[in-house]
Amino acid sequence: MRPFSYNTAAELFPAAIRKKKRAGFAYRRFGTAAEAVRFAIEELPADSLNGAYLQVEEARFDQSGIRSLYESEAFPLPRRPRAPASAEDKADAA
């Protein structure tokens, strides 16, 4: 298997089954896989990402695959800083 190239063109497809009122996004094509991954993680609401997939050449990545690409050390773009945990989040974690 070839190493993954973040510079390859990519397509992001919405979930196959979704309610019309909740259509979070339509099919989008990106110049690079890095741009597609960043858009999917940073811009899409979580419910829109669920069931969506990214296609890069012949490889397909589901929600967890997209997240793995984003979290990889090889990811070439700057990531959005994580928001500090709120007091509510800290209470939920306890």
C-alpha atoms as a PDB file:
ATOM      1  CA  MET A   1       0.000   0.000   0.000  1.00  0.00           C
ATOM      2  CA  ARG A   2       1.309   3.462  -0.916  1.00  0.00           C
ATOM      3  CA  PRO A   3       1.765   6.082   1.788  1.00  0.00           C
ATOM      4  CA  PHE A   4      -1.133   8.524   2.043  1.00  0.00           C
ATOM      5  CA  SER A   5      -0.655  11.808   0.145  1.00  0.00           C
ATOM      6  CA  TYR A   6      -2.380  14.856   1.601  1.00  0.00           C
ATOM      7  CA  ASN A   7      -1.652  16.684  -1.680  1.00  0.00           C
ATOM      8  CA  THR A   8      -3.938  14.507  -3.798  1.00  0.00           C
ATOM      9  CA  ALA A   9      -7.383  15.803  -4.855  1.00  0.00           C
ATOM     10  CA  ALA A  10     -10.225  14.485  -2.702  1.00  0.00           C
ATOM     11  CA  GLU A  11     -14.001  14.241  -2.658  1.00  0.00           C
ATOM     12  CA  LEU A  12     -16.189  14.461   0.430  1.00  0.00           C
ATOM     13  CA  PHE A  13     -19.555  12.734   0.236  1.00  0.00           C
ATOM     14  CA  PRO A  14     -22.453  13.216   2.675  1.00  0.00           C
ATOM     15  CA  ALA A  15     -24.146  10.302   4.409  1.00  0.00           C
ATOM     16  CA  ALA A  16     -26.178   8.224   1.985  1.00  0.00           C
ATOM     17  CA  ILE A  17     -29.356   8.466   4.067  1.00  0.00           C
ATOM     18  CA  ARG A  18     -30.307  11.725   5.684  1.00  0.00           C
ATOM     19  CA  LYS A  19     -33.379  13.794   6.368  1.00  0.00           C
ATOM     20  CA  LYS A  20     -33.746  16.716   3.984  1.00  0.00           C
ATOM     21  CA  LYS A  21     -34.142  19.214   6.826  1.00  0.00           C
ATOM     22  CA  ARG A  22     -30.829  18.077   8.326  1.00  0.00           C
ATOM     23  CA  ALA A  23     -28.799  18.051   5.147  1.00  0.00           C
ATOM     24  CA  GLY A  24     -25.568  19.450   6.551  1.00  0.00           C
ATOM     25  CA  PHE A  25     -23.642  19.606   3.311  1.00  0.00           C
ATOM     26  CA  ALA A  26     -23.643  18.464  -0.272  1.00  0.00           C
ATOM     27  CA  TYR A  27     -20.893  16.680  -2.181  1.00  0.00           C
ATOM     28  CA  ARG A  28     -17.696  18.738  -2.296  1.00  0.00           C
ATOM     29  CA  ARG A  29     -14.476  18.373  -4.240  1.00  0.00           C
ATOM     30  CA  PHE A  30     -11.195  19.689  -2.827  1.00  0.00           C
ATOM     31  CA  GLY A  31      -7.856  20.410  -4.451  1.00  0.00           C
ATOM     32  CA  THR A  32      -6.046  18.528  -1.699  1.00  0.00           C
ATOM     33  CA  ALA A  33      -6.994  15.820   0.769  1.00  0.00           C
ATOM     34  CA  ALA A  34      -5.592  18.008   3.557  1.00  0.00           C
ATOM     35  CA  GLU A  35      -8.175  20.709   2.794  1.00  0.00           C
ATOM     36  CA  ALA A  36     -10.965  18.120   2.723  1.00  0.00           C
ATOM     37  CA  VAL A  37      -9.894  16.587   6.035  1.00  0.00           C
ATOM     38  CA  ARG A  38      -9.638  19.984   7.725  1.00  0.00           C
ATOM     39  CA  PHE A  39     -13.077  21.001   6.388  1.00  0.00           C
ATOM     40  CA  ALA A  40     -14.649  17.740   7.573  1.00  0.00           C
ATOM     41  CA  ILE A  41     -13.255  17.995  11.097  1.00  0.00           C
ATOM     42  CA  GLU A  42     -13.300  21.731  11.707  1.00  0.00           C
ATOM     43  CA  GLU A  43     -16.327  22.931   9.728  1.00  0.00           C
ATOM     44  CA  LEU A  44     -18.895  20.142   9.604  1.00  0.00           C
ATOM     45  CA  PRO A  45     -21.274  19.578  12.499  1.00  0.00           C
ATOM     46  CA  ALA A  46     -20.697  16.173  14.109  1.00  0.00           C
ATOM     47  CA  ASP A  47     -24.028  14.815  12.853  1.00  0.00           C
ATOM     48  CA  SER A  48     -23.099  15.731   9.261  1.00  0.00           C
ATOM     49  CA  LEU A  49     -19.741  13.981   9.563  1.00  0.00           C
ATOM     50  CA  ASN A  50     -21.412  10.827  10.846  1.00  0.00           C
ATOM     51  CA  GLY A  51     -21.963   8.624   7.803  1.00  0.00           C
ATOM     52  CA  ALA A  52     -19.983  10.864   5.454  1.00  0.00           C
ATOM     53  CA  TYR A  53     -16.904   9.563   3.690  1.00  0.00           C
ATOM     54  CA  LEU A  54     -13.806  10.941   2.050  1.00  0.00           C
ATOM     55  CA  GLN A  55     -12.523   9.467  -1.194  1.00  0.00           C
ATOM     56  CA  VAL A  56      -8.898   9.994  -2.181  1.00  0.00           C
ATOM     57  CA  GLU A  57      -8.068   8.203  -5.419  1.00  0.00           C
ATOM     58  CA  GLU A  58      -9.332   4.655  -4.751  1.00  0.00           C
ATOM     59  CA  ALA A  59      -9.222   4.857  -0.938  1.00  0.00           C
ATOM     60  CA  ARG A  60     -12.285   5.660   1.183  1.00  0.00           C
ATOM     61  CA  PHE A  61     -12.224   6.980   4.727  1.00  0.00           C
ATOM     62  CA  ASP A  62     -15.170   7.013   7.110  1.00  0.00           C
ATOM     63  CA  GLN A  63     -15.582   9.346  10.083  1.00  0.00           C
ATOM     64  CA  SER A  64     -12.928   7.612  12.184  1.00  0.00           C
ATOM     65  CA  GLY A  65     -10.541   7.413   9.225  1.00  0.00           C
ATOM     66  CA  ILE A  66     -10.954  11.123   8.534  1.00  0.00           C
ATOM     67  CA  ARG A  67     -10.303  11.900  12.202  1.00  0.00           C
ATOM     68  CA  SER A  68      -7.163   9.702  12.131  1.00  0.00           C
ATOM     69  CA  LEU A  69      -5.865  11.586   9.098  1.00  0.00           C
ATOM     70  CA  TYR A  70      -6.490  14.905  10.876  1.00  0.00           C
ATOM     71  CA  GLU A  71      -4.755  13.789  14.068  1.00  0.00           C
ATOM     72  CA  SER A  72      -1.773  12.284  12.242  1.00  0.00           C
ATOM     73  CA  GLU A  73       1.635  13.892  12.727  1.00  0.00           C
ATOM     74  CA  ALA A  74       1.874  13.983   8.920  1.00  0.00           C
ATOM     75  CA  PHE A  75      -1.152  16.323   8.602  1.00  0.00           C
ATOM     76  CA  PRO A  76       0.359  19.352   6.787  1.00  0.00           C
ATOM     77  CA  LEU A  77      -2.060  22.181   7.649  1.00  0.00           C
ATOM     78  CA  PRO A  78      -2.357  24.145  10.879  1.00  0.00           C
ATOM     79  CA  ARG A  79      -5.094  22.789  13.102  1.00  0.00           C
ATOM     80  CA  ARG A  80      -7.687  24.943  14.801  1.00  0.00           C
ATOM     81  CA  PRO A  81      -6.724  25.374  18.462  1.00  0.00           C
ATOM     82  CA  ARG A  82      -8.847  23.240  20.736  1.00  0.00           C
ATOM     83  CA  ALA A  83     -11.317  25.171  22.831  1.00  0.00           C
ATOM     84  CA  PRO A  84     -10.543  25.052  26.543  1.00  0.00           C
ATOM     85  CA  ALA A  85     -12.749  22.614  28.406  1.00  0.00           C
ATOM     86  CA  SER A  86     -15.702  24.344  30.045  1.00  0.00           C
ATOM     87  CA  ALA A  87     -16.641  23.756  33.684  1.00  0.00           C
ATOM     88  CA  GLU A  88     -19.603  21.708  32.427  1.00  0.00           C
ATOM     89  CA  ASP A  89     -17.320  19.420  30.392  1.00  0.00           C
ATOM     90  CA  LYS A  90     -15.023  18.958  33.390  1.00  0.00           C
ATOM     91  CA  ALA A  91     -17.990  18.026  35.586  1.00  0.00           C
ATOM     92  CA  ASP A  92     -19.184  15.487  33.013  1.00  0.00           C
ATOM     93  CA  ALA A  93     -15.731  13.907  32.886  1.00  0.00           C
ATOM     94  CA  ALA A  94     -15.621  13.448  36.671  1.00  0.00           C
END
